[in-house]
Amino acid sequence: MKYKSVFDIIGPVMVGPSSSHTAGAARIGRIARKLFGRQPKKAEITFYGSFAKTYKGHGSDVATVAGILDFDTFDLRLKDSLQIAKDLGIDIVVNTSEELTGHPNTSRIRLSDDEKDVEVVGVSIGGGKIEVTKLNGFAFQLGFDTPTLMVLHEDRFGMIAGVAKVLTQHKINVGLMEVSRHDRGSRALMAIETDSVVLPEVLEEIGNIPYIFDVSLLSLQ
């Protein structure tokens, strides 16, 4: 079940007009920003399906850029996000595509600077709720409604057990775990939804496990 209460259907506190096309778009953009970890130099946004047809009228482009600026759905600066991004020197490129996707409200966001780039594909499923379906090519189905631990590691025996051991030692309960990989034996990405925030010292301990390349904690709350 994707909705836990009537408030999930009504939508979040937000700058309108649409919980799906505005609030949802902003949340996808904000997840991309959190994954990138800092202000990007360039943001390439591609809208598909319904997003592509209605993004101007519903402000999906404005909302997505607001999320990339790390503004929440209720932040009154949302309506001025395009100008704010321009003032900050962020190059914003908005495209539309007729390619068929699994959901009509789909956007692809690529953030980059001179050192790194991050690509996120997300869908707005209604009521302001979202699901991220791809992170840098890794296939997932994540909502980021609870603290989510992201662990990039080498695809080898014992990696899940190693991370689970650290979480057990710190009495952190796991609500959901997904693991995705590009190819067998290559890099893999572990996503773990937890019932509590993972403290920095726990992240550091996980990061010290051999064959782990990066550890981060993400949440929209």
C-alpha atoms as a PDB file:
ATOM      1  CA  MET A   1       0.000   0.000   0.000  1.00  0.00           C
ATOM      2  CA  LYS A   2       1.443   3.357  -1.035  1.00  0.00           C
ATOM      3  CA  TYR A   3      -0.865   5.513   1.120  1.00  0.00           C
ATOM      4  CA  LYS A   4      -0.914   5.228   4.902  1.00  0.00           C
ATOM      5  CA  SER A   5      -3.432   7.969   5.710  1.00  0.00           C
ATOM      6  CA  VAL A   6      -5.922  10.388   4.112  1.00  0.00           C
ATOM      7  CA  PHE A   7      -3.222  13.075   4.292  1.00  0.00           C
ATOM      8  CA  ASP A   8      -1.122  11.110   1.798  1.00  0.00           C
ATOM      9  CA  ILE A   9      -4.001  11.446  -0.682  1.00  0.00           C
ATOM     10  CA  ILE A  10      -4.746  15.103   0.049  1.00  0.00           C
ATOM     11  CA  GLY A  11      -1.078  15.915  -0.334  1.00  0.00           C
ATOM     12  CA  PRO A  12       1.562  17.761   1.658  1.00  0.00           C
ATOM     13  CA  VAL A  13       1.684  21.388   2.772  1.00  0.00           C
ATOM     14  CA  MET A  14       2.841  22.951  -0.458  1.00  0.00           C
ATOM     15  CA  VAL A  15       2.995  25.758  -2.949  1.00  0.00           C
ATOM     16  CA  GLY A  16       0.485  24.691  -5.669  1.00  0.00           C
ATOM     17  CA  PRO A  17      -1.138  24.090  -7.971  1.00  0.00           C
ATOM     18  CA  SER A  18      -0.776  20.289  -8.069  1.00  0.00           C
ATOM     19  CA  SER A  19       0.363  17.750  -5.494  1.00  0.00           C
ATOM     20  CA  SER A  20       1.384  15.371  -8.290  1.00  0.00           C
ATOM     21  CA  HIS A  21       2.906  17.800 -10.784  1.00  0.00           C
ATOM     22  CA  THR A  22       4.257  20.397  -8.361  1.00  0.00           C
ATOM     23  CA  ALA A  23       4.962  18.872  -4.934  1.00  0.00           C
ATOM     24  CA  GLY A  24       5.935  15.509  -6.416  1.00  0.00           C
ATOM     25  CA  ALA A  25       8.226  17.154  -8.958  1.00  0.00           C
ATOM     26  CA  ALA A  26       9.872  19.207  -6.199  1.00  0.00           C
ATOM     27  CA  ARG A  27      10.525  16.095  -4.128  1.00  0.00           C
ATOM     28  CA  ILE A  28      12.176  14.282  -7.023  1.00  0.00           C
ATOM     29  CA  GLY A  29      14.416  17.301  -7.545  1.00  0.00           C
ATOM     30  CA  ARG A  30      15.252  17.445  -3.852  1.00  0.00           C
ATOM     31  CA  ILE A  31      16.270  13.783  -3.741  1.00  0.00           C
ATOM     32  CA  ALA A  32      18.584  14.420  -6.708  1.00  0.00           C
ATOM     33  CA  ARG A  33      20.125  17.356  -4.804  1.00  0.00           C
ATOM     34  CA  LYS A  34      20.612  15.297  -1.636  1.00  0.00           C
ATOM     35  CA  LEU A  35      22.258  12.521  -3.625  1.00  0.00           C
ATOM     36  CA  PHE A  36      24.531  15.037  -5.326  1.00  0.00           C
ATOM     37  CA  GLY A  37      25.399  16.516  -1.950  1.00  0.00           C
ATOM     38  CA  ARG A  38      25.958  20.135  -2.942  1.00  0.00           C
ATOM     39  CA  GLN A  39      24.898  22.857  -5.346  1.00  0.00           C
ATOM     40  CA  PRO A  40      25.434  21.660  -8.926  1.00  0.00           C
ATOM     41  CA  LYS A  41      26.757  23.714 -11.813  1.00  0.00           C
ATOM     42  CA  LYS A  42      24.310  22.194 -14.278  1.00  0.00           C
ATOM     43  CA  ALA A  43      20.909  20.550 -14.028  1.00  0.00           C
ATOM     44  CA  GLU A  44      19.448  18.680 -17.006  1.00  0.00           C
ATOM     45  CA  ILE A  45      15.758  17.867 -16.533  1.00  0.00           C
ATOM     46  CA  THR A  46      13.757  15.654 -18.888  1.00  0.00           C
ATOM     47  CA  PHE A  47       9.999  15.275 -18.519  1.00  0.00           C
ATOM     48  CA  TYR A  48       8.032  12.314 -19.878  1.00  0.00           C
ATOM     49  CA  GLY A  49       4.342  11.549 -20.361  1.00  0.00           C
ATOM     50  CA  SER A  50       1.933  13.822 -18.529  1.00  0.00           C
ATOM     51  CA  PHE A  51       4.816  15.805 -17.063  1.00  0.00           C
ATOM     52  CA  ALA A  52       6.029  16.593 -20.585  1.00  0.00           C
ATOM     53  CA  LYS A  53       2.595  17.770 -21.712  1.00  0.00           C
ATOM     54  CA  THR A  54       1.612  19.901 -18.708  1.00  0.00           C
ATOM     55  CA  TYR A  55       4.823  20.930 -16.946  1.00  0.00           C
ATOM     56  CA  LYS A  56       4.540  24.623 -17.865  1.00  0.00           C
ATOM     57  CA  GLY A  57       0.959  25.019 -16.684  1.00  0.00           C
ATOM     58  CA  HIS A  58       1.519  23.060 -13.480  1.00  0.00           C
ATOM     59  CA  GLY A  59       4.936  24.537 -12.749  1.00  0.00           C
ATOM     60  CA  SER A  60       6.711  21.175 -12.741  1.00  0.00           C
ATOM     61  CA  ASP A  61       9.880  22.793 -14.065  1.00  0.00           C
ATOM     62  CA  VAL A  62       9.790  25.510 -11.409  1.00  0.00           C
ATOM     63  CA  ALA A  63       9.108  22.907  -8.708  1.00  0.00           C
ATOM     64  CA  THR A  64      11.859  20.560  -9.879  1.00  0.00           C
ATOM     65  CA  VAL A  65      14.409  23.379  -9.836  1.00  0.00           C
ATOM     66  CA  ALA A  66      13.189  24.369  -6.356  1.00  0.00           C
ATOM     67  CA  GLY A  67      13.908  20.829  -5.191  1.00  0.00           C
ATOM     68  CA  ILE A  68      17.357  20.982  -6.780  1.00  0.00           C
ATOM     69  CA  LEU A  69      17.903  24.148  -4.725  1.00  0.00           C
ATOM     70  CA  ASP A  70      16.909  22.071  -1.649  1.00  0.00           C
ATOM     71  CA  PHE A  71      13.641  23.972  -1.084  1.00  0.00           C
ATOM     72  CA  ASP A  72      10.806  22.049   0.569  1.00  0.00           C
ATOM     73  CA  THR A  73       7.339  21.840  -0.993  1.00  0.00           C
ATOM     74  CA  PHE A  74       5.994  24.642   1.225  1.00  0.00           C
ATOM     75  CA  ASP A  75       8.924  27.026   0.697  1.00  0.00           C
ATOM     76  CA  LEU A  76       7.564  30.286  -0.757  1.00  0.00           C
ATOM     77  CA  ARG A  77      10.778  30.699  -2.755  1.00  0.00           C
ATOM     78  CA  LEU A  78       9.606  27.810  -4.953  1.00  0.00           C
ATOM     79  CA  LYS A  79       7.813  30.122  -7.392  1.00  0.00           C
ATOM     80  CA  ASP A  80      11.028  32.106  -7.960  1.00  0.00           C
ATOM     81  CA  SER A  81      13.313  29.085  -8.284  1.00  0.00           C
ATOM     82  CA  LEU A  82      14.267  29.596 -11.933  1.00  0.00           C
ATOM     83  CA  GLN A  83      15.486  33.121 -11.259  1.00  0.00           C
ATOM     84  CA  ILE A  84      17.252  32.059  -8.044  1.00  0.00           C
ATOM     85  CA  ALA A  85      19.044  29.270  -9.906  1.00  0.00           C
ATOM     86  CA  LYS A  86      20.080  31.733 -12.619  1.00  0.00           C
ATOM     87  CA  ASP A  87      21.400  34.164  -9.996  1.00  0.00           C
ATOM     88  CA  LEU A  88      23.430  31.333  -8.459  1.00  0.00           C
ATOM     89  CA  GLY A  89      24.958  30.534 -11.840  1.00  0.00           C
ATOM     90  CA  ILE A  90      23.294  27.128 -12.220  1.00  0.00           C
ATOM     91  CA  ASP A  91      22.775  26.151 -15.859  1.00  0.00           C
ATOM     92  CA  ILE A  92      19.220  24.767 -16.133  1.00  0.00           C
ATOM     93  CA  VAL A  93      18.227  22.729 -19.201  1.00  0.00           C
ATOM     94  CA  VAL A  94      14.637  21.458 -19.525  1.00  0.00           C
ATOM     95  CA  ASN A  95      13.740  18.867 -22.166  1.00  0.00           C
ATOM     96  CA  THR A  96      10.675  16.791 -22.977  1.00  0.00           C
ATOM     97  CA  SER A  97      10.582  13.305 -24.429  1.00  0.00           C
ATOM     98  CA  GLU A  98       7.898  11.229 -26.154  1.00  0.00           C
ATOM     99  CA  GLU A  99       9.553   8.019 -24.971  1.00  0.00           C
ATOM    100  CA  LEU A 100       7.065   5.761 -23.190  1.00  0.00           C
ATOM    101  CA  THR A 101       7.778   5.156 -19.509  1.00  0.00           C
ATOM    102  CA  GLY A 102       6.246   2.965 -16.849  1.00  0.00           C
ATOM    103  CA  HIS A 103       4.452   5.914 -15.249  1.00  0.00           C
ATOM    104  CA  PRO A 104       3.009   9.072 -16.877  1.00  0.00           C
ATOM    105  CA  ASN A 105       4.529  11.431 -14.287  1.00  0.00           C
ATOM    106  CA  THR A 106       8.205  10.658 -14.841  1.00  0.00           C
ATOM    107  CA  SER A 107      11.236  12.913 -14.759  1.00  0.00           C
ATOM    108  CA  ARG A 108      14.930  12.305 -15.257  1.00  0.00           C
ATOM    109  CA  ILE A 109      17.340  14.682 -13.522  1.00  0.00           C
ATOM    110  CA  ARG A 110      21.066  14.834 -14.094  1.00  0.00           C
ATOM    111  CA  LEU A 111      23.110  17.101 -11.830  1.00  0.00           C
ATOM    112  CA  SER A 112      26.764  17.776 -12.519  1.00  0.00           C
ATOM    113  CA  ASP A 113      29.790  19.945 -11.841  1.00  0.00           C
ATOM    114  CA  ASP A 114      33.481  19.622 -12.672  1.00  0.00           C
ATOM    115  CA  GLU A 115      33.960  16.667 -10.313  1.00  0.00           C
ATOM    116  CA  LYS A 116      30.868  14.455 -10.365  1.00  0.00           C
ATOM    117  CA  ASP A 117      27.435  13.803 -11.810  1.00  0.00           C
ATOM    118  CA  VAL A 118      24.321  12.112 -10.472  1.00  0.00           C
ATOM    119  CA  GLU A 119      21.306  10.898 -12.445  1.00  0.00           C
ATOM    120  CA  VAL A 120      17.936  10.192 -10.870  1.00  0.00           C
ATOM    121  CA  VAL A 121      14.747   8.901 -12.480  1.00  0.00           C
ATOM    122  CA  GLY A 122      11.648   9.458 -10.371  1.00  0.00           C
ATOM    123  CA  VAL A 123       7.876   9.232 -10.652  1.00  0.00           C
ATOM    124  CA  SER A 124       5.186  11.241  -8.891  1.00  0.00           C
ATOM    125  CA  ILE A 125       2.547   8.749  -7.776  1.00  0.00           C
ATOM    126  CA  GLY A 126      -0.017  11.192  -6.342  1.00  0.00           C
ATOM    127  CA  GLY A 127      -0.589  13.182  -3.178  1.00  0.00           C
ATOM    128  CA  GLY A 128       2.932  14.555  -3.358  1.00  0.00           C
ATOM    129  CA  LYS A 129       4.437  11.091  -2.890  1.00  0.00           C
ATOM    130  CA  ILE A 130       7.238   9.902  -5.152  1.00  0.00           C
ATOM    131  CA  GLU A 131       9.204   6.806  -6.046  1.00  0.00           C
ATOM    132  CA  VAL A 132      12.747   6.822  -7.355  1.00  0.00           C
ATOM    133  CA  THR A 133      13.146   4.081  -9.934  1.00  0.00           C
ATOM    134  CA  LYS A 134      16.779   4.592 -10.959  1.00  0.00           C
ATOM    135  CA  LEU A 135      19.888   6.024  -9.286  1.00  0.00           C
ATOM    136  CA  ASN A 136      22.892   6.303 -11.580  1.00  0.00           C
ATOM    137  CA  GLY A 137      21.560   3.357 -13.567  1.00  0.00           C
ATOM    138  CA  PHE A 138      20.778   1.187 -10.527  1.00  0.00           C
ATOM    139  CA  ALA A 139      17.136   0.021 -10.545  1.00  0.00           C
ATOM    140  CA  PHE A 140      15.162   0.700  -7.359  1.00  0.00           C
ATOM    141  CA  GLN A 141      11.709   1.491  -5.998  1.00  0.00           C
ATOM    142  CA  LEU A 142      12.296   3.940  -3.157  1.00  0.00           C
ATOM    143  CA  GLY A 143      10.084   6.626  -1.616  1.00  0.00           C
ATOM    144  CA  PHE A 144      12.561   8.132   0.887  1.00  0.00           C
ATOM    145  CA  ASP A 145       9.734   8.705   3.397  1.00  0.00           C
ATOM    146  CA  THR A 146      11.954   7.273   6.131  1.00  0.00           C
ATOM    147  CA  PRO A 147      15.735   7.583   6.660  1.00  0.00           C
ATOM    148  CA  THR A 148      17.350   5.587   3.862  1.00  0.00           C
ATOM    149  CA  LEU A 149      20.930   4.396   4.037  1.00  0.00           C
ATOM    150  CA  MET A 150      22.656   4.273   0.642  1.00  0.00           C
ATOM    151  CA  VAL A 151      25.775   2.095   0.453  1.00  0.00           C
ATOM    152  CA  LEU A 152      27.836   1.863  -2.750  1.00  0.00           C
ATOM    153  CA  HIS A 153      30.042  -1.223  -2.642  1.00  0.00           C
ATOM    154  CA  GLU A 154      31.776  -3.917  -4.611  1.00  0.00           C
ATOM    155  CA  ASP A 155      29.454  -6.783  -5.517  1.00  0.00           C
ATOM    156  CA  ARG A 156      30.961  -9.600  -3.476  1.00  0.00           C
ATOM    157  CA  PHE A 157      30.090 -12.127  -0.792  1.00  0.00           C
ATOM    158  CA  GLY A 158      29.422 -10.829   2.732  1.00  0.00           C
ATOM    159  CA  MET A 159      28.707  -7.152   2.027  1.00  0.00           C
ATOM    160  CA  ILE A 160      25.074  -7.243   3.176  1.00  0.00           C
ATOM    161  CA  ALA A 161      26.012  -9.225   6.274  1.00  0.00           C
ATOM    162  CA  GLY A 162      28.763  -6.737   7.142  1.00  0.00           C
ATOM    163  CA  VAL A 163      26.429  -3.741   6.999  1.00  0.00           C
ATOM    164  CA  ALA A 164      23.656  -5.607   8.833  1.00  0.00           C
ATOM    165  CA  LYS A 165      26.093  -6.496  11.624  1.00  0.00           C
ATOM    166  CA  VAL A 166      26.927  -2.836  12.248  1.00  0.00           C
ATOM    167  CA  LEU A 167      23.244  -1.869  12.287  1.00  0.00           C
ATOM    168  CA  THR A 168      22.477  -4.722  14.697  1.00  0.00           C
ATOM    169  CA  GLN A 169      25.253  -3.646  17.049  1.00  0.00           C
ATOM    170  CA  HIS A 170      23.739  -0.157  17.198  1.00  0.00           C
ATOM    171  CA  LYS A 171      20.175  -1.521  17.591  1.00  0.00           C
ATOM    172  CA  ILE A 172      18.963   0.047  14.336  1.00  0.00           C
ATOM    173  CA  ASN A 173      15.950  -1.763  12.907  1.00  0.00           C
ATOM    174  CA  VAL A 174      15.689  -2.294   9.140  1.00  0.00           C
ATOM    175  CA  GLY A 175      12.287  -1.706   7.569  1.00  0.00           C
ATOM    176  CA  LEU A 176      13.209  -2.495   3.960  1.00  0.00           C
ATOM    177  CA  MET A 177      16.335  -3.377   2.012  1.00  0.00           C
ATOM    178  CA  GLU A 178      16.938  -3.343  -1.743  1.00  0.00           C
ATOM    179  CA  VAL A 179      20.168  -4.153  -3.566  1.00  0.00           C
ATOM    180  CA  SER A 180      20.841  -3.392  -7.214  1.00  0.00           C
ATOM    181  CA  ARG A 181      23.900  -4.038  -9.363  1.00  0.00           C
ATOM    182  CA  HIS A 182      24.959  -3.283 -12.909  1.00  0.00           C
ATOM    183  CA  ASP A 183      26.737  -6.591 -13.514  1.00  0.00           C
ATOM    184  CA  ARG A 184      27.763  -9.537 -11.384  1.00  0.00           C
ATOM    185  CA  GLY A 185      31.011  -8.767  -9.578  1.00  0.00           C
ATOM    186  CA  SER A 186      30.901  -5.050 -10.451  1.00  0.00           C
ATOM    187  CA  ARG A 187      29.608  -2.235  -8.264  1.00  0.00           C
ATOM    188  CA  ALA A 188      26.331  -2.562  -6.382  1.00  0.00           C
ATOM    189  CA  LEU A 189      24.135  -0.145  -4.469  1.00  0.00           C
ATOM    190  CA  MET A 190      22.420  -1.102  -1.227  1.00  0.00           C
ATOM    191  CA  ALA A 191      19.382   0.903  -0.060  1.00  0.00           C
ATOM    192  CA  ILE A 192      18.231   0.329   3.521  1.00  0.00           C
ATOM    193  CA  GLU A 193      15.190   2.018   5.044  1.00  0.00           C
ATOM    194  CA  THR A 194      15.609   2.294   8.814  1.00  0.00           C
ATOM    195  CA  ASP A 195      13.219   3.074  11.661  1.00  0.00           C
ATOM    196  CA  SER A 196      15.584   5.687  13.108  1.00  0.00           C
ATOM    197  CA  VAL A 197      18.231   8.135  11.961  1.00  0.00           C
ATOM    198  CA  VAL A 198      21.666   6.578  11.515  1.00  0.00           C
ATOM    199  CA  LEU A 199      24.196   8.699  13.405  1.00  0.00           C
ATOM    200  CA  PRO A 200      27.405   9.933  11.711  1.00  0.00           C
ATOM    201  CA  GLU A 201      29.586   7.575  13.739  1.00  0.00           C
ATOM    202  CA  VAL A 202      27.555   4.617  12.447  1.00  0.00           C
ATOM    203  CA  LEU A 203      27.953   5.856   8.873  1.00  0.00           C
ATOM    204  CA  GLU A 204      31.697   6.109   9.459  1.00  0.00           C
ATOM    205  CA  GLU A 205      31.820   2.579  10.843  1.00  0.00           C
ATOM    206  CA  ILE A 206      29.968   1.225   7.809  1.00  0.00           C
ATOM    207  CA  GLY A 207      32.245   3.229   5.511  1.00  0.00           C
ATOM    208  CA  ASN A 208      35.278   1.527   7.051  1.00  0.00           C
ATOM    209  CA  ILE A 209      34.071  -1.924   5.950  1.00  0.00           C
ATOM    210  CA  PRO A 210      36.389  -3.200   3.171  1.00  0.00           C
ATOM    211  CA  TYR A 211      35.106  -2.823  -0.415  1.00  0.00           C
ATOM    212  CA  ILE A 212      32.614  -0.072   0.468  1.00  0.00           C
ATOM    213  CA  PHE A 213      33.126   3.046  -1.654  1.00  0.00           C
ATOM    214  CA  ASP A 214      30.536   5.490  -0.332  1.00  0.00           C
ATOM    215  CA  VAL A 215      27.906   5.761   2.405  1.00  0.00           C
ATOM    216  CA  SER A 216      25.171   8.378   2.780  1.00  0.00           C
ATOM    217  CA  LEU A 217      21.848   8.849   4.573  1.00  0.00           C
ATOM    218  CA  LEU A 218      18.869  10.387   2.756  1.00  0.00           C
ATOM    219  CA  SER A 219      15.361  11.391   3.813  1.00  0.00           C
ATOM    220  CA  LEU A 220      12.729  13.882   2.679  1.00  0.00           C
ATOM    221  CA  GLN A 221      11.456  14.304   6.269  1.00  0.00           C
END
